Amino acid sequence: MALSEWERICGPRMYYVCLSAEGIENATRQLADELCAELRVDLVKPTMDEMKKFLADHNDMRFIVTCRLGTFDEETSLQYLETAAKCGAKYIDVEIERGKEIAARLKKACEGTECQLIISYHNFENVPWLGELYDIIDRAKSWGADKVKIACNVPNQESNSALLSLYCERDNIIAFGMGRLGKISRLASLWCGAEFTYVASDYGEPTAPGQLTISQMRQAVDALGMWK
């Protein structure tokens, strides 16, 4: 793994590689030798035992574990997330649309562990007005979110500016744009206050529109020459 200059200074904790290939062995190949990753249980489709072994085998790493609805039913997806929290995941992620009771259940699963809860909001059509985004963030935090993820499709550059302005008013957020025009916000968010950003593996497909590969992101960060 070739670290960027930023990573050498700040530590290689800023890029979470999204693991999406079906089958735990394929996801492991996507992981390569990175140190942080998001395990998309709904796409990888591991058995519970496979997921537990995967986390145990990589217990020196930081994982975000999420399970979007569609592949598994509600109860099964929650059991995956609860198990991940108890098996060493750094974060578990649940969509805000799944409601307050689900968030409370997952927050409870994190008790007594080092796992934190991400509550996420995705909008694949547009960027809501700022007041609505503030309300979403505040609601998620009132439900126990340690971090709030905001990812919206960006129709124009003004929308990028709106998303990045969230960092001026709220903390503990990961906010960026999706789509072709949103690519720059994935990079800029790191300078605005995001602890990390999401990237695609060099050995797989992106999990969201406009997602850069880990190599592309490192090249872009180093090209800025902030440390020269």
C-alpha atoms as a PDB file:
ATOM      1  CA  MET A   1       0.000   0.000   0.000  1.00  0.00           C
ATOM      2  CA  ALA A   2       1.512   3.322  -1.086  1.00  0.00           C
ATOM      3  CA  LEU A   3       0.483   5.944   1.466  1.00  0.00           C
ATOM      4  CA  SER A   4      -0.184   9.542   0.466  1.00  0.00           C
ATOM      5  CA  GLU A   5       1.824  12.321   2.144  1.00  0.00           C
ATOM      6  CA  TRP A   6      -1.305  13.260   4.111  1.00  0.00           C
ATOM      7  CA  GLU A   7      -1.549   9.723   5.453  1.00  0.00           C
ATOM      8  CA  ARG A   8       2.116   9.726   6.452  1.00  0.00           C
ATOM      9  CA  ILE A   9       1.467  12.882   8.488  1.00  0.00           C
ATOM     10  CA  CYS A  10      -2.038  12.229   9.815  1.00  0.00           C
ATOM     11  CA  GLY A  11      -2.140   8.439   9.843  1.00  0.00           C
ATOM     12  CA  PRO A  12      -3.735   6.133   7.231  1.00  0.00           C
ATOM     13  CA  ARG A  13      -7.241   6.348   8.704  1.00  0.00           C
ATOM     14  CA  MET A  14      -8.925   8.668   6.239  1.00  0.00           C
ATOM     15  CA  TYR A  15     -10.042   6.350   3.428  1.00  0.00           C
ATOM     16  CA  TYR A  16     -12.629   3.633   3.943  1.00  0.00           C
ATOM     17  CA  VAL A  17     -12.530   1.211   1.012  1.00  0.00           C
ATOM     18  CA  CYS A  18     -16.006  -0.072   0.150  1.00  0.00           C
ATOM     19  CA  LEU A  19     -16.127  -3.872  -0.058  1.00  0.00           C
ATOM     20  CA  SER A  20     -18.909  -4.918  -2.387  1.00  0.00           C
ATOM     21  CA  ALA A  21     -17.907  -8.075  -4.246  1.00  0.00           C
ATOM     22  CA  GLU A  22     -20.221 -11.008  -3.562  1.00  0.00           C
ATOM     23  CA  GLY A  23     -18.519 -13.696  -1.503  1.00  0.00           C
ATOM     24  CA  ILE A  24     -16.240 -13.093   1.458  1.00  0.00           C
ATOM     25  CA  GLU A  25     -13.172 -14.297  -0.448  1.00  0.00           C
ATOM     26  CA  ASN A  26     -13.812 -11.751  -3.210  1.00  0.00           C
ATOM     27  CA  ALA A  27     -14.328  -9.012  -0.631  1.00  0.00           C
ATOM     28  CA  THR A  28     -11.023  -9.975   0.973  1.00  0.00           C
ATOM     29  CA  ARG A  29      -9.298  -9.533  -2.390  1.00  0.00           C
ATOM     30  CA  GLN A  30     -10.895  -6.091  -2.705  1.00  0.00           C
ATOM     31  CA  LEU A  31      -9.562  -5.206   0.718  1.00  0.00           C
ATOM     32  CA  ALA A  32      -5.975  -5.952  -0.333  1.00  0.00           C
ATOM     33  CA  ASP A  33      -3.712  -4.457   2.373  1.00  0.00           C
ATOM     34  CA  GLU A  34      -5.772  -1.402   3.297  1.00  0.00           C
ATOM     35  CA  LEU A  35      -6.338  -0.526   6.926  1.00  0.00           C
ATOM     36  CA  CYS A  36      -9.922   0.759   6.854  1.00  0.00           C
ATOM     37  CA  ALA A  37     -12.952  -0.520   4.972  1.00  0.00           C
ATOM     38  CA  GLU A  38     -16.734  -0.467   4.760  1.00  0.00           C
ATOM     39  CA  LEU A  39     -18.198  -3.974   4.617  1.00  0.00           C
ATOM     40  CA  ARG A  40     -21.451  -3.899   2.652  1.00  0.00           C
ATOM     41  CA  VAL A  41     -23.074  -7.024   4.050  1.00  0.00           C
ATOM     42  CA  ASP A  42     -26.016  -6.658   1.657  1.00  0.00           C
ATOM     43  CA  LEU A  43     -23.642  -6.894  -1.331  1.00  0.00           C
ATOM     44  CA  VAL A  44     -20.982  -9.295  -0.031  1.00  0.00           C
ATOM     45  CA  LYS A  45     -23.673 -11.591   1.422  1.00  0.00           C
ATOM     46  CA  PRO A  46     -21.524 -13.464   3.943  1.00  0.00           C
ATOM     47  CA  THR A  47     -23.016 -15.907   6.372  1.00  0.00           C
ATOM     48  CA  MET A  48     -23.011 -14.704   9.960  1.00  0.00           C
ATOM     49  CA  ASP A  49     -20.114 -17.016  10.777  1.00  0.00           C
ATOM     50  CA  GLU A  50     -18.166 -15.785   7.746  1.00  0.00           C
ATOM     51  CA  MET A  51     -18.605 -12.178   8.827  1.00  0.00           C
ATOM     52  CA  LYS A  52     -17.523 -12.939  12.393  1.00  0.00           C
ATOM     53  CA  LYS A  53     -14.407 -14.752  11.165  1.00  0.00           C
ATOM     54  CA  PHE A  54     -13.616 -11.961   8.699  1.00  0.00           C
ATOM     55  CA  LEU A  55     -13.718  -9.333  11.464  1.00  0.00           C
ATOM     56  CA  ALA A  56     -11.696 -11.541  13.808  1.00  0.00           C
ATOM     57  CA  ASP A  57      -9.058 -12.224  11.145  1.00  0.00           C
ATOM     58  CA  HIS A  58      -8.665  -8.461  10.579  1.00  0.00           C
ATOM     59  CA  ASN A  59      -8.981  -7.265  14.157  1.00  0.00           C
ATOM     60  CA  ASP A  60      -6.181  -4.723  13.693  1.00  0.00           C
ATOM     61  CA  MET A  61      -8.297  -2.842  11.144  1.00  0.00           C
ATOM     62  CA  ARG A  62     -11.152  -0.354  11.316  1.00  0.00           C
ATOM     63  CA  PHE A  63     -14.422  -1.466   9.746  1.00  0.00           C
ATOM     64  CA  ILE A  64     -17.702   0.231   9.047  1.00  0.00           C
ATOM     65  CA  VAL A  65     -20.328  -2.494   8.736  1.00  0.00           C
ATOM     66  CA  THR A  66     -23.629  -1.726   7.062  1.00  0.00           C
ATOM     67  CA  CYS A  67     -26.471  -3.785   5.647  1.00  0.00           C
ATOM     68  CA  ARG A  68     -28.851  -1.899   3.387  1.00  0.00           C
ATOM     69  CA  LEU A  69     -32.328  -3.336   3.065  1.00  0.00           C
ATOM     70  CA  GLY A  70     -33.189  -5.422   0.036  1.00  0.00           C
ATOM     71  CA  THR A  71     -30.968  -8.485   0.287  1.00  0.00           C
ATOM     72  CA  PHE A  72     -31.952  -9.467   3.836  1.00  0.00           C
ATOM     73  CA  ASP A  73     -35.115  -8.756   5.779  1.00  0.00           C
ATOM     74  CA  GLU A  74     -35.169  -6.162   8.552  1.00  0.00           C
ATOM     75  CA  GLU A  75     -34.527  -8.525  11.451  1.00  0.00           C
ATOM     76  CA  THR A  76     -31.685 -10.366   9.715  1.00  0.00           C
ATOM     77  CA  SER A  77     -29.977  -7.127   8.718  1.00  0.00           C
ATOM     78  CA  LEU A  78     -30.167  -5.882  12.307  1.00  0.00           C
ATOM     79  CA  GLN A  79     -28.696  -9.111  13.617  1.00  0.00           C
ATOM     80  CA  TYR A  80     -25.716  -8.650  11.281  1.00  0.00           C
ATOM     81  CA  LEU A  81     -25.155  -5.119  12.586  1.00  0.00           C
ATOM     82  CA  GLU A  82     -25.556  -6.092  16.243  1.00  0.00           C
ATOM     83  CA  THR A  83     -23.110  -8.953  15.778  1.00  0.00           C
ATOM     84  CA  ALA A  84     -20.613  -6.689  14.019  1.00  0.00           C
ATOM     85  CA  ALA A  85     -20.728  -4.230  16.926  1.00  0.00           C
ATOM     86  CA  LYS A  86     -19.838  -7.028  19.335  1.00  0.00           C
ATOM     87  CA  CYS A  87     -17.150  -8.473  17.055  1.00  0.00           C
ATOM     88  CA  GLY A  88     -14.888  -5.464  16.759  1.00  0.00           C
ATOM     89  CA  ALA A  89     -16.373  -3.176  14.098  1.00  0.00           C
ATOM     90  CA  LYS A  90     -15.366   0.465  14.552  1.00  0.00           C
ATOM     91  CA  TYR A  91     -18.764   1.645  13.272  1.00  0.00           C
ATOM     92  CA  ILE A  92     -22.112   0.215  12.305  1.00  0.00           C
ATOM     93  CA  ASP A  93     -24.229   2.252   9.886  1.00  0.00           C
ATOM     94  CA  VAL A  94     -28.022   2.380   9.605  1.00  0.00           C
ATOM     95  CA  GLU A  95     -30.216   4.568   7.384  1.00  0.00           C
ATOM     96  CA  ILE A  96     -32.201   7.272   9.147  1.00  0.00           C
ATOM     97  CA  GLU A  97     -35.315   6.148   7.260  1.00  0.00           C
ATOM     98  CA  ARG A  98     -35.391   2.988   9.357  1.00  0.00           C
ATOM     99  CA  GLY A  99     -36.533   5.023  12.334  1.00  0.00           C
ATOM    100  CA  LYS A 100     -35.866   5.926  15.934  1.00  0.00           C
ATOM    101  CA  GLU A 101     -36.561   2.491  17.439  1.00  0.00           C
ATOM    102  CA  ILE A 102     -34.089   0.764  15.115  1.00  0.00           C
ATOM    103  CA  ALA A 103     -31.467   3.409  15.894  1.00  0.00           C
ATOM    104  CA  ALA A 104     -32.035   2.902  19.633  1.00  0.00           C
ATOM    105  CA  ARG A 105     -31.666  -0.862  19.276  1.00  0.00           C
ATOM    106  CA  LEU A 106     -28.343  -0.505  17.443  1.00  0.00           C
ATOM    107  CA  LYS A 107     -27.095   2.134  19.864  1.00  0.00           C
ATOM    108  CA  LYS A 108     -27.749  -0.328  22.665  1.00  0.00           C
ATOM    109  CA  ALA A 109     -25.783  -2.983  20.758  1.00  0.00           C
ATOM    110  CA  CYS A 110     -22.768  -0.658  20.854  1.00  0.00           C
ATOM    111  CA  GLU A 111     -22.871  -0.351  24.649  1.00  0.00           C
ATOM    112  CA  GLY A 112     -19.884  -1.948  26.318  1.00  0.00           C
ATOM    113  CA  THR A 113     -17.948  -2.016  23.036  1.00  0.00           C
ATOM    114  CA  GLU A 114     -15.728   0.444  21.188  1.00  0.00           C
ATOM    115  CA  CYS A 115     -18.162   0.469  18.277  1.00  0.00           C
ATOM    116  CA  GLN A 116     -19.894   3.715  17.324  1.00  0.00           C
ATOM    117  CA  LEU A 117     -23.153   4.314  15.484  1.00  0.00           C
ATOM    118  CA  ILE A 118     -23.381   6.087  12.138  1.00  0.00           C
ATOM    119  CA  ILE A 119     -26.860   7.162  11.075  1.00  0.00           C
ATOM    120  CA  SER A 120     -26.886   7.890   7.354  1.00  0.00           C
ATOM    121  CA  TYR A 121     -29.047   9.851   4.948  1.00  0.00           C
ATOM    122  CA  HIS A 122     -28.847   9.274   1.189  1.00  0.00           C
ATOM    123  CA  ASN A 123     -30.645  11.282  -1.467  1.00  0.00           C
ATOM    124  CA  PHE A 124     -30.027  10.043  -5.004  1.00  0.00           C
ATOM    125  CA  GLU A 125     -32.079  12.833  -6.611  1.00  0.00           C
ATOM    126  CA  ASN A 126     -30.951  16.182  -5.234  1.00  0.00           C
ATOM    127  CA  VAL A 127     -29.681  18.206  -2.284  1.00  0.00           C
ATOM    128  CA  PRO A 128     -32.430  19.331   0.123  1.00  0.00           C
ATOM    129  CA  TRP A 129     -32.395  22.881   1.431  1.00  0.00           C
ATOM    130  CA  LEU A 130     -30.015  23.479   4.316  1.00  0.00           C
ATOM    131  CA  GLY A 131     -32.721  23.724   6.958  1.00  0.00           C
ATOM    132  CA  GLU A 132     -33.874  20.213   6.143  1.00  0.00           C
ATOM    133  CA  LEU A 133     -30.316  18.872   6.255  1.00  0.00           C
ATOM    134  CA  TYR A 134     -29.735  20.508   9.655  1.00  0.00           C
ATOM    135  CA  ASP A 135     -32.942  18.866  10.892  1.00  0.00           C
ATOM    136  CA  ILE A 136     -31.785  15.464   9.608  1.00  0.00           C
ATOM    137  CA  ILE A 137     -28.424  15.805  11.365  1.00  0.00           C
ATOM    138  CA  ASP A 138     -29.973  16.996  14.612  1.00  0.00           C
ATOM    139  CA  ARG A 139     -32.583  14.225  14.567  1.00  0.00           C
ATOM    140  CA  ALA A 140     -29.928  11.559  13.972  1.00  0.00           C
ATOM    141  CA  LYS A 141     -27.822  12.869  16.850  1.00  0.00           C
ATOM    142  CA  SER A 142     -30.857  12.942  19.147  1.00  0.00           C
ATOM    143  CA  TRP A 143     -31.318   9.258  18.284  1.00  0.00           C
ATOM    144  CA  GLY A 144     -27.783   8.465  19.444  1.00  0.00           C
ATOM    145  CA  ALA A 145     -25.669   8.871  16.316  1.00  0.00           C
ATOM    146  CA  ASP A 146     -21.964   9.282  17.008  1.00  0.00           C
ATOM    147  CA  LYS A 147     -21.546  10.393  13.412  1.00  0.00           C
ATOM    148  CA  VAL A 148     -24.045  11.415  10.755  1.00  0.00           C
ATOM    149  CA  LYS A 149     -23.442  10.646   7.088  1.00  0.00           C
ATOM    150  CA  ILE A 150     -25.062  12.896   4.478  1.00  0.00           C
ATOM    151  CA  ALA A 151     -24.682  11.828   0.826  1.00  0.00           C
ATOM    152  CA  CYS A 152     -26.729  13.581  -1.878  1.00  0.00           C
ATOM    153  CA  ASN A 153     -26.699  13.632  -5.653  1.00  0.00           C
ATOM    154  CA  VAL A 154     -25.234  16.944  -6.805  1.00  0.00           C
ATOM    155  CA  PRO A 155     -26.949  18.635  -9.797  1.00  0.00           C
ATOM    156  CA  ASN A 156     -24.687  21.717  -9.786  1.00  0.00           C
ATOM    157  CA  GLN A 157     -21.655  23.194  -8.049  1.00  0.00           C
ATOM    158  CA  GLU A 158     -23.815  25.359  -5.786  1.00  0.00           C
ATOM    159  CA  SER A 159     -25.102  22.129  -4.268  1.00  0.00           C
ATOM    160  CA  ASN A 160     -21.537  21.067  -3.522  1.00  0.00           C
ATOM    161  CA  SER A 161     -21.046  24.323  -1.657  1.00  0.00           C
ATOM    162  CA  ALA A 162     -24.233  23.762   0.332  1.00  0.00           C
ATOM    163  CA  LEU A 163     -23.148  20.288   1.423  1.00  0.00           C
ATOM    164  CA  LEU A 164     -19.671  21.408   2.412  1.00  0.00           C
ATOM    165  CA  SER A 165     -21.091  24.374   4.345  1.00  0.00           C
ATOM    166  CA  LEU A 166     -22.641  21.853   6.763  1.00  0.00           C
ATOM    167  CA  TYR A 167     -19.200  21.477   8.338  1.00  0.00           C
ATOM    168  CA  CYS A 168     -19.379  25.096   9.497  1.00  0.00           C
ATOM    169  CA  GLU A 169     -22.563  24.464  11.499  1.00  0.00           C
ATOM    170  CA  ARG A 170     -22.396  20.839  12.637  1.00  0.00           C
ATOM    171  CA  ASP A 171     -19.683  18.512  13.914  1.00  0.00           C
ATOM    172  CA  ASN A 172     -19.200  14.742  13.705  1.00  0.00           C
ATOM    173  CA  ILE A 173     -20.558  14.575  10.176  1.00  0.00           C
ATOM    174  CA  ILE A 174     -19.410  12.980   6.937  1.00  0.00           C
ATOM    175  CA  ALA A 175     -21.072  15.029   4.177  1.00  0.00           C
ATOM    176  CA  PHE A 176     -20.353  14.894   0.450  1.00  0.00           C
ATOM    177  CA  GLY A 177     -21.983  14.869  -2.948  1.00  0.00           C
ATOM    178  CA  MET A 178     -22.623  11.941  -5.265  1.00  0.00           C
ATOM    179  CA  GLY A 179     -22.458  11.861  -9.042  1.00  0.00           C
ATOM    180  CA  ARG A 180     -19.937  13.338 -11.480  1.00  0.00           C
ATOM    181  CA  LEU A 181     -20.143  16.847 -10.058  1.00  0.00           C
ATOM    182  CA  GLY A 182     -19.956  15.543  -6.509  1.00  0.00           C
ATOM    183  CA  LYS A 183     -16.510  14.005  -6.920  1.00  0.00           C
ATOM    184  CA  ILE A 184     -14.708  17.156  -5.814  1.00  0.00           C
ATOM    185  CA  SER A 185     -16.712  17.260  -2.565  1.00  0.00           C
ATOM    186  CA  ARG A 186     -15.484  13.793  -1.620  1.00  0.00           C
ATOM    187  CA  LEU A 187     -11.973  15.219  -1.685  1.00  0.00           C
ATOM    188  CA  ALA A 188     -12.775  18.663  -0.253  1.00  0.00           C
ATOM    189  CA  SER A 189     -14.692  17.185   2.679  1.00  0.00           C
ATOM    190  CA  LEU A 190     -11.375  16.018   4.173  1.00  0.00           C
ATOM    191  CA  TRP A 191     -10.271  19.651   4.486  1.00  0.00           C
ATOM    192  CA  CYS A 192     -13.658  20.793   5.775  1.00  0.00           C
ATOM    193  CA  GLY A 193     -13.792  18.525   8.790  1.00  0.00           C
ATOM    194  CA  ALA A 194     -14.668  14.985   7.687  1.00  0.00           C
ATOM    195  CA  GLU A 195     -12.726  12.358   9.618  1.00  0.00           C
ATOM    196  CA  PHE A 196     -12.737  10.108   6.572  1.00  0.00           C
ATOM    197  CA  THR A 197     -14.215   9.591   3.138  1.00  0.00           C
ATOM    198  CA  TYR A 198     -15.411   6.557   1.176  1.00  0.00           C
ATOM    199  CA  VAL A 199     -13.502   5.158  -1.791  1.00  0.00           C
ATOM    200  CA  ALA A 200     -13.844   2.218  -4.144  1.00  0.00           C
ATOM    201  CA  SER A 201     -11.369  -0.621  -4.157  1.00  0.00           C
ATOM    202  CA  ASP A 202      -8.876  -0.764  -7.000  1.00  0.00           C
ATOM    203  CA  TYR A 203     -10.219  -4.291  -7.498  1.00  0.00           C
ATOM    204  CA  GLY A 204     -13.945  -3.669  -7.699  1.00  0.00           C
ATOM    205  CA  GLU A 205     -16.804  -1.439  -8.724  1.00  0.00           C
ATOM    206  CA  PRO A 206     -17.873   1.773  -6.923  1.00  0.00           C
ATOM    207  CA  THR A 207     -20.786   1.424  -4.513  1.00  0.00           C
ATOM    208  CA  ALA A 208     -22.113   4.938  -5.235  1.00  0.00           C
ATOM    209  CA  PRO A 209     -22.109   7.374  -8.189  1.00  0.00           C
ATOM    210  CA  GLY A 210     -18.936   9.440  -8.409  1.00  0.00           C
ATOM    211  CA  GLN A 211     -16.943   7.340  -5.966  1.00  0.00           C
ATOM    212  CA  LEU A 212     -13.207   7.490  -6.668  1.00  0.00           C
ATOM    213  CA  THR A 213     -10.918   4.502  -6.292  1.00  0.00           C
ATOM    214  CA  ILE A 214      -8.423   4.481  -3.448  1.00  0.00           C
ATOM    215  CA  SER A 215      -5.565   5.072  -5.914  1.00  0.00           C
ATOM    216  CA  GLN A 216      -7.354   7.996  -7.562  1.00  0.00           C
ATOM    217  CA  MET A 217      -8.031   9.617  -4.202  1.00  0.00           C
ATOM    218  CA  ARG A 218      -4.447   9.257  -3.047  1.00  0.00           C
ATOM    219  CA  GLN A 219      -3.171  10.713  -6.310  1.00  0.00           C
ATOM    220  CA  ALA A 220      -5.579  13.657  -6.042  1.00  0.00           C
ATOM    221  CA  VAL A 221      -4.576  14.385  -2.440  1.00  0.00           C
ATOM    222  CA  ASP A 222      -0.863  14.271  -3.217  1.00  0.00           C
ATOM    223  CA  ALA A 223      -1.337  16.385  -6.361  1.00  0.00           C
ATOM    224  CA  LEU A 224      -2.536  19.269  -4.180  1.00  0.00           C
ATOM    225  CA  GLY A 225       0.944  19.475  -2.707  1.00  0.00           C
ATOM    226  CA  MET A 226      -0.270  20.755   0.642  1.00  0.00           C
ATOM    227  CA  TRP A 227       2.898  19.558   2.401  1.00  0.00           C
ATOM    228  CA  LYS A 228       5.551  20.803   0.010  1.00  0.00           C
END
